[in-house]
Amino acid sequence: TVPDTVKEMEGNIFSYCPDLVSATWNYKTVTYRAFAGCGNLTKIVLGAKVSEINSDAFSGVGFKTYRIPETVTKVGSYAFSSCPNLEKLTISKNVKAVPSYIVSRCENIKKVVIEDGVKSIADYAFANSSITSISMPSSITKVGYAAFFHAEKLVYARISDSVKKIEDKTFANCYELSKLKIGKSVNQIGETAFIRCYKLDKVVIPGSVKKIGYRAFTESGVKSLYISDGVSEIDYWAFCKCPELTSVYIGKDVSKIRYSAFLQCDKLTKLVVSKENKVYASKDNVLYSANMTRLINCSVTKEGTFTIPATVSKIYGSSFSKCTKITNFAVEPGNKYFTTENGILYNTDKTVLVSCPSGKKGTIKVPSTVKEIADYAFHYSMASYVKLPNGLQKIGYCVFEYCDKLKQIVIPGTVKSIGCSAFWNCTALKEVEIMNGVTKLPDDVFAGCSRLEKITVPVSVNSISSTAFRNCNYSIVFYTKKSSYAMKYATKSYYRYKLI
């Protein structure tokens, strides 16, 4: 028993007392790590003058349930962490904020009750915890960054009607989260807020939300998505790589959809835009601008020949990403902006290769008229060989990304620009020849090319990014001239080289 006559208490004062089973504490503050590691301590009584529980004060303590007394107004981070038997924690109404990592590493914690009166939940408050459900009272106005990050057993979450923003990473990696209710005052869903929430099923975005952030639901398990009237912006990759997403409804007020918002959703067969929407439209489950001049996103479930409408004048780079069942492109009569040859899509004068159908196999010879290969043009292509023409000047961003059948490539010396990640994850690529004239190998240009064995680099190359060969084998051999930039790069980066 610590009496209320005590004037000063140090931290760690009773930590790791293995036989301590009960304690009565009357000093104003439960000090730092005061009872840390007291595994048999199951009864703690805090006096009427105790207003603060410091960081790690009860970490590793042995109780099963605990209610923070109403006299307490402040609780430090990790205050109840690593408690092996703790199953339920009640945070009383006078605690101003739920602190960071409050029940971190409590393997048996299932329920945390936050009483009405608590104002906020701090950054990482329940990160890496084992809680299974959370219901926020109306008094909660702020939920911090990554508050439930990697709470992998969390099944149910109800966000208070007083919360205005779901912060970045709030529920990221909550693998079991299947039931979600978003409060009616939430106006923004932050970046990666629900990324990799694999069990999410039906998601309704209320009209109070104005913006759905970057990668907010990427790789989540959402099957049915309803974006209510009132929502105005869907950011890059917001619902990218959602493997179970089959149905999307977009409300009338959405005025900004970043082009990759629904990229690579393997089962998306129904995409409908409200007929009252003045900015966007859908036709045959393909997303267009309202006037049908911009093609934004094509469902990866499309098969065979895809026909470009006569009205379309612009196609976004990733529009056909991972559309591996499309084998040919065609263009409606009257289209002044695009043409095709052998099922490959070009601009009208064939100076830009816009898109090669991912399902087209074998050898592809790019016409001599082509000066530019547009971003993502061969994304996920099943081609085994692509012959690039002399005179080609630009290879865009992510052009050959995930071309897992491509084994060899020769880059002409006329190429003045190669986009970042141009050959990202070409896992079958073994040999690259870069002709004299090329000057720069940018970020991640051959990253993930795990089977790359030989690359010929001319003396004209005077810049190679430190990430150009990220996640490649160190068995790569650089073929280059003596004292060239490539020879120095290979030496510095621990690659072998041979002089030519």
Protein backbone atom coordinates (compact mmCIF):
# COMPACT_ATOMS: atom_id res chain seq x y z
CA THR A 1 0.00 0.00 0.00
CA VAL A 2 1.31 3.41 -1.00
CA PRO A 3 -0.25 6.03 1.34
CA ASP A 4 -1.38 9.50 0.25
CA THR A 5 1.27 11.07 2.50
CA VAL A 6 4.00 10.12 0.01
CA LYS A 7 5.45 13.22 -1.69
CA GLU A 8 7.62 11.61 -4.35
CA MET A 9 7.76 8.27 -6.19
CA GLU A 10 10.37 7.04 -8.63
CA GLY A 11 9.74 5.00 -11.77
CA ASN A 12 10.27 1.22 -11.85
CA ILE A 13 9.68 1.12 -8.11
CA PHE A 14 7.90 -2.27 -7.95
CA SER A 15 8.75 -3.57 -11.41
CA TYR A 16 9.36 -7.30 -11.72
CA CYS A 17 8.24 -8.25 -8.21
CA PRO A 18 7.06 -11.78 -9.13
CA ASP A 19 5.16 -12.50 -5.89
CA LEU A 20 3.23 -9.24 -5.69
CA VAL A 21 -0.52 -10.05 -5.98
CA SER A 22 -2.33 -6.86 -4.87
CA ALA A 23 -1.59 -3.16 -4.54
CA THR A 24 -3.30 -0.02 -3.27
CA TRP A 25 -1.84 3.18 -4.67
CA ASN A 26 -2.66 6.67 -3.36
CA TYR A 27 0.18 8.77 -4.82
CA LYS A 28 -1.12 11.20 -7.48
CA THR A 29 0.66 9.47 -10.36
CA VAL A 30 1.28 5.81 -11.09
CA THR A 31 4.88 6.30 -12.16
CA TYR A 32 6.73 5.02 -15.19
CA ARG A 33 6.89 1.18 -15.19
CA ALA A 34 5.79 1.18 -11.56
CA PHE A 35 4.44 -2.40 -11.73
CA ALA A 36 5.95 -3.54 -15.04
CA GLY A 37 6.45 -7.28 -15.22
CA CYS A 38 4.44 -8.11 -12.08
CA GLY A 39 2.87 -11.16 -13.68
CA ASN A 40 0.92 -12.26 -10.57
CA LEU A 41 -0.48 -8.84 -9.74
CA THR A 42 -4.27 -9.20 -10.24
CA LYS A 43 -5.74 -6.55 -7.96
CA ILE A 44 -4.93 -2.85 -8.18
CA VAL A 45 -6.83 -0.15 -6.30
CA LEU A 46 -6.11 3.47 -7.19
CA GLY A 47 -6.99 6.14 -4.65
CA ALA A 48 -9.18 9.18 -5.21
CA LYS A 49 -6.18 11.48 -5.75
CA VAL A 50 -4.65 9.43 -8.60
CA SER A 51 -5.09 11.39 -11.85
CA GLU A 52 -2.39 9.95 -14.10
CA ILE A 53 -1.12 6.53 -15.15
CA ASN A 54 2.32 6.85 -16.69
CA SER A 55 3.87 4.98 -19.62
CA ASP A 56 4.31 1.22 -19.16
CA ALA A 57 2.94 1.52 -15.60
CA PHE A 58 1.08 -1.81 -15.76
CA SER A 59 2.86 -3.50 -18.68
CA GLY A 60 3.02 -7.23 -18.09
CA VAL A 61 0.62 -7.20 -15.13
CA GLY A 62 -1.53 -10.33 -14.60
CA PHE A 63 -5.14 -9.09 -14.33
CA LYS A 64 -7.87 -10.29 -16.74
CA THR A 65 -10.14 -7.24 -16.68
CA TYR A 66 -9.56 -3.68 -15.63
CA ARG A 67 -11.48 -0.42 -15.59
CA ILE A 68 -9.48 2.77 -15.36
CA PRO A 69 -10.92 4.80 -12.46
CA GLU A 70 -12.84 7.99 -13.25
CA THR A 71 -10.32 10.05 -11.26
CA VAL A 72 -7.73 9.36 -13.98
CA THR A 73 -7.52 11.95 -16.77
CA LYS A 74 -4.25 10.98 -18.45
CA VAL A 75 -2.79 7.60 -19.46
CA GLY A 76 0.68 7.12 -20.95
CA SER A 77 1.69 5.00 -23.92
CA TYR A 78 2.10 1.22 -23.43
CA ALA A 79 0.36 1.59 -20.05
CA PHE A 80 -1.28 -1.87 -20.27
CA SER A 81 0.94 -3.49 -22.89
CA SER A 82 2.16 -7.10 -22.75
CA CYS A 83 -0.43 -8.13 -20.13
CA PRO A 84 -0.68 -11.87 -20.88
CA ASN A 85 -4.10 -12.45 -19.26
CA LEU A 86 -5.86 -9.17 -20.05
CA GLU A 87 -9.13 -9.80 -21.92
CA LYS A 88 -11.10 -6.59 -21.35
CA LEU A 89 -10.05 -3.01 -20.66
CA THR A 90 -12.49 -0.18 -19.95
CA ILE A 91 -11.27 3.36 -20.52
CA SER A 92 -13.37 5.58 -18.29
CA LYS A 93 -15.05 8.76 -19.43
CA ASN A 94 -12.62 11.28 -17.91
CA VAL A 95 -9.54 10.00 -19.74
CA LYS A 96 -8.92 12.72 -22.32
CA ALA A 97 -7.14 10.58 -24.91
CA VAL A 98 -6.51 6.89 -25.52
CA PRO A 99 -2.68 6.75 -25.73
CA SER A 100 -0.40 5.02 -28.21
CA TYR A 101 0.04 1.23 -27.92
CA ILE A 102 -2.17 1.04 -24.83
CA VAL A 103 -2.74 -2.75 -25.14
CA SER A 104 0.10 -3.63 -27.49
CA ARG A 105 1.23 -7.27 -27.31
CA CYS A 106 -1.72 -8.27 -25.07
CA GLU A 107 -2.30 -11.62 -26.76
CA ASN A 108 -5.69 -12.34 -25.15
CA ILE A 109 -7.28 -8.89 -25.29
CA LYS A 110 -10.65 -9.08 -27.03
CA LYS A 111 -12.60 -6.06 -26.01
CA VAL A 112 -11.80 -2.45 -25.24
CA VAL A 113 -14.67 -0.29 -23.99
CA ILE A 114 -14.25 3.43 -24.52
CA GLU A 115 -16.77 5.31 -22.40
CA ASP A 116 -18.63 8.37 -23.64
CA GLY A 117 -16.54 11.37 -22.68
CA VAL A 118 -13.17 10.28 -24.07
CA LYS A 119 -12.20 12.82 -26.76
CA SER A 120 -9.56 11.21 -28.95
CA ILE A 121 -7.63 8.08 -29.91
CA ALA A 122 -3.90 8.67 -30.39
CA ASP A 123 -1.62 7.58 -33.23
CA TYR A 124 -0.97 3.81 -33.06
CA ALA A 125 -3.32 3.48 -30.05
CA PHE A 126 -4.35 -0.10 -30.87
CA ALA A 127 -1.62 -0.91 -33.42
CA ASN A 128 -0.44 -4.52 -33.31
CA SER A 129 -3.11 -5.37 -30.73
CA SER A 130 -5.39 -8.41 -30.61
CA ILE A 131 -8.71 -6.62 -30.06
CA THR A 132 -11.64 -8.07 -32.00
CA SER A 133 -14.07 -5.14 -31.97
CA ILE A 134 -14.17 -1.42 -31.34
CA SER A 135 -17.13 0.93 -30.97
CA MET A 136 -16.39 4.60 -30.61
CA PRO A 137 -18.67 6.81 -28.50
CA SER A 138 -20.03 10.07 -29.92
CA SER A 139 -17.53 12.02 -27.80
CA ILE A 140 -14.61 10.79 -29.93
CA THR A 141 -13.72 13.53 -32.42
CA LYS A 142 -10.29 12.38 -33.59
CA VAL A 143 -8.76 9.01 -34.41
CA GLY A 144 -5.01 9.19 -34.94
CA TYR A 145 -2.65 7.98 -37.64
CA ALA A 146 -2.43 4.16 -37.86
CA ALA A 147 -4.59 3.88 -34.74
CA PHE A 148 -5.55 0.26 -35.54
CA PHE A 149 -2.62 -0.59 -37.81
CA HIS A 150 -2.08 -4.36 -37.99
CA ALA A 151 -4.77 -5.12 -35.44
CA GLU A 152 -5.07 -8.38 -37.33
CA LYS A 153 -7.91 -9.89 -35.24
CA LEU A 154 -10.21 -6.87 -35.45
CA VAL A 155 -13.54 -7.95 -36.94
CA TYR A 156 -15.87 -5.03 -36.30
CA ALA A 157 -15.33 -1.28 -36.26
CA ARG A 158 -17.84 1.53 -35.84
CA ILE A 159 -16.46 5.01 -36.37
CA SER A 160 -18.02 7.78 -34.29
CA ASP A 161 -20.39 10.24 -35.95
CA SER A 162 -18.20 13.01 -34.54
CA VAL A 163 -15.02 11.93 -36.35
CA LYS A 164 -14.32 14.03 -39.45
CA LYS A 165 -11.36 12.19 -40.95
CA ILE A 166 -10.19 8.60 -41.08
CA GLU A 167 -6.46 9.21 -40.93
CA ASP A 168 -3.78 7.55 -43.04
CA LYS A 169 -3.25 3.84 -42.23
CA THR A 170 -6.00 3.87 -39.60
CA PHE A 171 -7.11 0.28 -40.30
CA ALA A 172 -4.25 -0.85 -42.56
CA ASN A 173 -3.52 -4.58 -42.35
CA CYS A 174 -6.61 -5.39 -40.29
CA TYR A 175 -6.87 -8.74 -42.04
CA GLU A 176 -10.09 -9.91 -40.33
CA LEU A 177 -12.05 -6.66 -40.51
CA SER A 178 -15.36 -7.61 -42.12
CA LYS A 179 -17.91 -5.24 -40.60
CA LEU A 180 -17.41 -1.50 -40.96
CA LYS A 181 -19.67 1.46 -40.25
CA ILE A 182 -18.38 4.88 -41.23
CA GLY A 183 -19.75 7.79 -39.18
CA LYS A 184 -21.97 10.35 -40.86
CA SER A 185 -19.53 13.26 -40.30
CA VAL A 186 -16.45 11.66 -41.90
CA ASN A 187 -15.39 13.87 -44.81
CA GLN A 188 -12.11 12.22 -45.79
CA ILE A 189 -10.68 8.71 -45.90
CA GLY A 190 -6.90 8.93 -45.68
CA GLU A 191 -4.13 7.23 -47.61
CA THR A 192 -3.95 3.43 -47.20
CA ALA A 193 -6.63 3.67 -44.50
CA PHE A 194 -8.03 0.19 -45.25
CA ILE A 195 -5.23 -1.34 -47.31
CA ARG A 196 -5.09 -5.15 -47.07
CA CYS A 197 -8.33 -5.50 -45.09
CA TYR A 198 -8.93 -8.86 -46.75
CA LYS A 199 -12.31 -9.68 -45.19
CA LEU A 200 -14.14 -6.47 -46.09
CA ASP A 201 -17.22 -7.35 -48.10
CA LYS A 202 -19.80 -4.66 -48.79
CA VAL A 203 -18.53 -1.10 -48.41
CA VAL A 204 -20.78 1.94 -48.53
CA ILE A 205 -19.02 5.31 -48.68
CA PRO A 206 -21.43 7.88 -47.17
CA GLY A 207 -22.11 11.17 -48.91
CA SER A 208 -20.34 13.12 -46.17
CA VAL A 209 -17.00 11.85 -47.50
CA LYS A 210 -15.51 14.27 -50.01
CA LYS A 211 -12.29 12.43 -50.78
CA ILE A 212 -11.22 8.78 -50.78
CA GLY A 213 -7.45 8.86 -50.42
CA TYR A 214 -4.48 7.32 -52.21
CA ARG A 215 -4.56 3.50 -51.99
CA ALA A 216 -7.28 3.74 -49.35
CA PHE A 217 -8.69 0.25 -50.07
CA THR A 218 -5.87 -1.26 -52.17
CA GLU A 219 -5.65 -5.06 -51.92
CA SER A 220 -8.72 -5.18 -49.69
CA GLY A 221 -11.39 -7.85 -49.95
CA VAL A 222 -14.27 -5.51 -50.80
CA LYS A 223 -16.75 -7.20 -53.15
CA SER A 224 -19.46 -4.60 -53.52
CA LEU A 225 -18.74 -0.87 -53.49
CA TYR A 226 -21.36 1.88 -53.32
CA ILE A 227 -20.07 5.45 -53.54
CA SER A 228 -22.93 7.68 -52.43
CA ASP A 229 -24.01 11.02 -53.86
CA GLY A 230 -21.90 13.69 -52.19
CA VAL A 231 -18.52 12.01 -52.62
CA SER A 232 -16.40 14.13 -54.99
CA GLU A 233 -12.89 12.61 -55.35
CA ILE A 234 -11.36 9.15 -55.69
CA ASP A 235 -7.56 9.26 -55.54
CA TYR A 236 -4.87 7.18 -57.28
CA TRP A 237 -5.07 3.41 -56.71
CA ALA A 238 -7.89 3.87 -54.18
CA PHE A 239 -9.39 0.46 -55.04
CA CYS A 240 -6.47 -0.98 -57.01
CA LYS A 241 -5.85 -4.75 -56.88
CA CYS A 242 -9.05 -5.61 -55.01
CA PRO A 243 -9.25 -9.24 -56.19
CA GLU A 244 -12.88 -9.84 -55.14
CA LEU A 245 -14.39 -6.55 -56.31
CA THR A 246 -17.23 -7.35 -58.69
CA SER A 247 -19.60 -4.39 -58.47
CA VAL A 248 -19.06 -0.62 -58.29
CA TYR A 249 -21.62 2.18 -58.22
CA ILE A 250 -20.37 5.78 -58.55
CA GLY A 251 -22.66 8.58 -57.39
CA LYS A 252 -23.65 11.74 -59.22
CA ASP A 253 -21.27 14.14 -57.45
CA VAL A 254 -17.96 12.39 -58.14
CA SER A 255 -15.98 14.91 -60.20
CA LYS A 256 -12.43 13.58 -59.95
CA ILE A 257 -11.39 9.95 -60.44
CA ARG A 258 -7.65 9.41 -60.73
CA TYR A 259 -6.99 7.14 -63.70
CA SER A 260 -5.69 4.17 -61.70
CA ALA A 261 -8.44 4.15 -59.05
CA PHE A 262 -9.85 0.75 -60.11
CA LEU A 263 -6.71 -0.72 -61.66
CA GLN A 264 -6.30 -4.53 -61.81
CA CYS A 265 -9.53 -5.59 -60.12
CA ASP A 266 -9.65 -9.11 -61.53
CA LYS A 267 -13.38 -9.79 -61.07
CA LEU A 268 -14.89 -6.37 -61.76
CA THR A 269 -17.81 -7.06 -64.09
CA LYS A 270 -20.23 -4.30 -63.15
CA LEU A 271 -19.26 -0.64 -63.10
CA VAL A 272 -22.14 1.84 -63.13
CA VAL A 273 -21.99 5.63 -62.96
CA SER A 274 -25.07 7.61 -61.99
CA LYS A 275 -26.79 9.02 -65.07
CA GLU A 276 -26.91 12.35 -63.25
CA ASN A 277 -23.11 12.55 -63.07
CA LYS A 278 -21.90 15.38 -65.31
CA VAL A 279 -18.21 14.39 -65.37
CA TYR A 280 -18.15 10.60 -65.79
CA ALA A 281 -20.12 7.90 -67.56
CA SER A 282 -20.03 4.13 -67.93
CA LYS A 283 -20.72 1.99 -70.97
CA ASP A 284 -20.50 -1.78 -71.01
CA ASN A 285 -18.77 -1.57 -67.59
CA VAL A 286 -15.99 0.68 -68.93
CA LEU A 287 -15.36 4.06 -67.29
CA TYR A 288 -15.35 7.13 -69.57
CA SER A 289 -15.66 10.87 -69.24
CA ALA A 290 -19.26 12.05 -69.51
CA ASN A 291 -18.83 13.13 -73.14
CA MET A 292 -17.14 9.80 -74.00
CA THR A 293 -13.92 11.53 -75.13
CA ARG A 294 -11.67 9.99 -72.44
CA LEU A 295 -11.35 6.27 -71.76
CA ILE A 296 -10.28 5.94 -68.12
CA ASN A 297 -10.59 2.33 -67.01
CA CYS A 298 -11.42 -0.94 -68.76
CA SER A 299 -12.49 -3.96 -66.75
CA VAL A 300 -9.89 -6.74 -66.80
CA THR A 301 -12.70 -9.21 -67.42
CA LYS A 302 -13.12 -7.97 -71.02
CA GLU A 303 -12.28 -10.62 -73.64
CA GLY A 304 -11.37 -10.88 -77.31
CA THR A 305 -11.51 -7.69 -79.39
CA PHE A 306 -12.04 -4.37 -77.67
CA THR A 307 -13.41 -1.58 -79.85
CA ILE A 308 -12.48 2.04 -79.17
CA PRO A 309 -15.56 4.27 -79.58
CA ALA A 310 -15.50 6.90 -82.31
CA THR A 311 -15.72 9.72 -79.74
CA VAL A 312 -12.60 8.78 -77.72
CA SER A 313 -9.64 11.15 -78.14
CA LYS A 314 -7.62 10.28 -75.01
CA ILE A 315 -6.80 6.96 -73.36
CA TYR A 316 -5.12 6.90 -69.97
CA GLY A 317 -1.93 4.89 -69.73
CA SER A 318 -3.17 2.25 -67.32
CA SER A 319 -6.65 1.91 -68.85
CA PHE A 320 -5.96 -1.61 -70.11
CA SER A 321 -3.59 -2.73 -67.36
CA LYS A 322 -3.76 -6.51 -66.80
CA CYS A 323 -6.49 -6.95 -69.44
CA THR A 324 -4.87 -10.24 -70.40
CA LYS A 325 -7.99 -11.58 -72.11
CA ILE A 326 -8.04 -8.79 -74.72
CA THR A 327 -6.28 -10.09 -77.83
CA ASN A 328 -7.02 -7.31 -80.33
CA PHE A 329 -8.02 -3.68 -80.56
CA ALA A 330 -10.37 -2.18 -83.11
CA VAL A 331 -11.47 1.41 -83.71
CA GLU A 332 -14.97 2.53 -84.62
CA PRO A 333 -15.31 4.30 -87.99
CA GLY A 334 -15.09 8.06 -87.62
CA ASN A 335 -12.49 8.10 -84.83
CA LYS A 336 -9.92 10.78 -85.77
CA TYR A 337 -7.38 9.98 -83.06
CA PHE A 338 -6.57 6.27 -83.14
CA THR A 339 -5.90 3.47 -85.55
CA THR A 340 -4.87 -0.18 -85.36
CA GLU A 341 -2.48 -2.51 -87.11
CA ASN A 342 -2.41 -6.23 -86.39
CA GLY A 343 -4.70 -5.56 -83.44
CA ILE A 344 -2.28 -3.08 -81.79
CA LEU A 345 -3.51 0.44 -80.97
CA TYR A 346 -1.66 3.53 -82.30
CA ASN A 347 -2.34 7.21 -82.77
CA THR A 348 -3.52 8.05 -86.29
CA ASP A 349 -0.07 8.62 -87.83
CA LYS A 350 1.43 5.63 -85.97
CA THR A 351 4.11 7.69 -84.25
CA VAL A 352 2.88 6.58 -80.81
CA LEU A 353 2.17 2.99 -79.83
CA VAL A 354 -0.70 3.50 -77.38
CA SER A 355 -1.43 -0.06 -76.25
CA CYS A 356 -0.60 -3.62 -77.20
CA PRO A 357 -3.28 -6.12 -76.15
CA SER A 358 -1.93 -8.01 -73.14
CA GLY A 359 -3.32 -11.26 -74.54
CA LYS A 360 -1.31 -11.03 -77.78
CA LYS A 361 1.42 -13.69 -77.72
CA GLY A 362 4.63 -14.43 -79.59
CA THR A 363 6.82 -11.90 -81.43
CA ILE A 364 5.75 -8.30 -81.89
CA LYS A 365 7.51 -6.02 -84.36
CA VAL A 366 6.96 -2.32 -83.67
CA PRO A 367 6.60 -0.31 -86.94
CA SER A 368 9.44 1.97 -88.01
CA THR A 369 7.13 5.01 -87.81
CA VAL A 370 6.83 4.74 -84.04
CA LYS A 371 8.74 7.40 -82.09
CA GLU A 372 7.16 6.81 -78.68
CA ILE A 373 5.80 3.87 -76.71
CA ALA A 374 3.21 5.24 -74.30
CA ASP A 375 3.07 4.57 -70.56
CA TYR A 376 1.91 1.03 -69.69
CA ALA A 377 1.67 0.12 -73.39
CA PHE A 378 2.84 -3.49 -72.88
CA HIS A 379 1.71 -3.81 -69.26
CA TYR A 380 1.29 -7.51 -68.39
CA SER A 381 1.90 -8.41 -72.03
CA MET A 382 2.22 -12.09 -72.90
CA ALA A 383 4.61 -11.34 -75.79
CA SER A 384 7.85 -13.34 -75.76
CA TYR A 385 9.83 -10.93 -77.94
CA VAL A 386 9.35 -7.25 -78.90
CA LYS A 387 11.49 -5.78 -81.67
CA LEU A 388 11.93 -2.05 -81.19
CA PRO A 389 12.67 0.11 -84.29
CA ASN A 390 15.64 2.36 -84.95
CA GLY A 391 14.26 5.87 -84.63
CA LEU A 392 12.35 5.17 -81.45
CA GLN A 393 12.89 8.11 -79.09
CA LYS A 394 10.87 7.46 -75.95
CA ILE A 395 9.93 4.45 -73.81
CA GLY A 396 7.32 5.53 -71.29
CA TYR A 397 6.67 4.81 -67.63
CA CYS A 398 6.05 1.13 -66.73
CA VAL A 399 5.84 0.19 -70.42
CA PHE A 400 6.93 -3.45 -70.03
CA GLU A 401 6.06 -3.89 -66.35
CA TYR A 402 5.12 -7.50 -65.45
CA CYS A 403 5.88 -8.88 -68.92
CA ASP A 404 6.75 -12.30 -67.52
CA LYS A 405 7.26 -13.94 -70.95
CA LEU A 406 9.76 -11.39 -72.28
CA LYS A 407 13.25 -12.93 -72.39
CA GLN A 408 15.31 -10.47 -74.39
CA ILE A 409 15.19 -6.80 -75.40
CA VAL A 410 17.36 -4.53 -77.57
CA ILE A 411 17.01 -0.80 -76.87
CA PRO A 412 17.96 1.33 -79.92
CA GLY A 413 20.51 4.12 -79.51
CA THR A 414 17.98 6.66 -80.74
CA VAL A 415 16.05 6.35 -77.46
CA LYS A 416 16.45 9.62 -75.57
CA SER A 417 14.20 8.80 -72.63
CA ILE A 418 13.33 5.63 -70.71
CA GLY A 419 10.61 5.92 -68.07
CA CYS A 420 10.97 4.77 -64.49
CA SER A 421 10.07 1.11 -63.88
CA ALA A 422 10.00 0.48 -67.64
CA PHE A 423 10.92 -3.21 -67.23
CA TRP A 424 9.81 -3.68 -63.63
CA ASN A 425 9.37 -7.36 -62.67
CA CYS A 426 10.07 -8.83 -66.10
CA THR A 427 10.93 -12.07 -64.35
CA ALA A 428 11.86 -14.00 -67.50
CA LEU A 429 14.16 -11.31 -68.90
CA LYS A 430 17.69 -12.70 -69.25
CA GLU A 431 19.48 -10.47 -71.74
CA VAL A 432 19.40 -6.71 -72.42
CA GLU A 433 21.35 -4.87 -75.09
CA ILE A 434 21.44 -1.09 -74.95
CA MET A 435 22.77 0.53 -78.09
CA ASN A 436 25.15 3.50 -78.12
CA GLY A 437 23.27 6.77 -77.78
CA VAL A 438 21.18 6.01 -74.72
CA THR A 439 22.37 8.18 -71.81
CA LYS A 440 20.34 7.34 -68.72
CA LEU A 441 18.96 4.31 -66.84
CA PRO A 442 16.34 5.71 -64.45
CA ASP A 443 14.85 4.57 -61.13
CA ASP A 444 13.73 0.92 -61.00
CA VAL A 445 14.13 0.50 -64.76
CA PHE A 446 15.05 -3.21 -64.38
CA ALA A 447 13.96 -3.67 -60.76
CA GLY A 448 12.73 -7.16 -59.98
CA CYS A 449 14.21 -8.70 -63.15
CA SER A 450 15.35 -11.65 -61.08
CA ARG A 451 16.72 -13.73 -63.96
CA LEU A 452 18.69 -11.01 -65.69
CA GLU A 453 22.12 -12.39 -66.57
CA LYS A 454 23.64 -10.14 -69.21
CA ILE A 455 23.32 -6.43 -69.96
CA THR A 456 25.32 -4.55 -72.58
CA VAL A 457 25.76 -0.89 -71.63
CA PRO A 458 27.42 1.57 -74.06
CA VAL A 459 29.81 4.39 -73.21
CA SER A 460 27.05 6.93 -73.92
CA VAL A 461 25.31 5.97 -70.66
CA ASN A 462 26.41 8.51 -68.05
CA SER A 463 23.75 8.01 -65.39
CA ILE A 464 22.44 4.85 -63.69
CA SER A 465 20.04 5.12 -60.77
CA SER A 466 20.97 3.39 -57.53
CA THR A 467 17.64 1.51 -57.78
CA ALA A 468 17.91 0.62 -61.48
CA PHE A 469 18.64 -3.03 -60.65
CA ARG A 470 16.86 -3.28 -57.31
CA ASN A 471 15.95 -6.87 -56.36
CA CYS A 472 17.98 -8.33 -59.20
CA ASN A 473 20.50 -11.14 -58.76
CA TYR A 474 24.12 -10.21 -58.28
CA SER A 475 24.97 -12.71 -61.03
CA ILE A 476 24.33 -10.00 -63.65
CA VAL A 477 27.33 -9.36 -65.88
CA PHE A 478 27.78 -5.88 -67.36
CA TYR A 479 29.33 -5.87 -70.86
CA THR A 480 30.89 -2.48 -71.41
CA LYS A 481 33.97 -0.49 -72.40
CA LYS A 482 36.97 0.13 -70.20
CA SER A 483 36.64 3.16 -67.88
CA SER A 484 32.99 3.63 -68.86
CA TYR A 485 30.39 4.85 -66.40
CA ALA A 486 28.83 1.39 -66.48
CA MET A 487 32.13 -0.27 -65.51
CA LYS A 488 32.49 2.07 -62.54
CA TYR A 489 28.85 1.51 -61.56
CA ALA A 490 29.25 -2.28 -61.72
CA THR A 491 32.38 -2.14 -59.58
CA LYS A 492 30.78 0.13 -57.01
CA SER A 493 27.60 -1.98 -56.88
CA TYR A 494 29.43 -5.33 -56.63
CA TYR A 495 28.38 -6.62 -60.07
CA ARG A 496 30.70 -8.44 -62.42
CA TYR A 497 31.69 -6.84 -65.74
CA LYS A 498 33.41 -7.86 -68.96
CA LEU A 499 35.13 -5.47 -71.32
CA ILE A 500 34.06 -5.36 -74.96
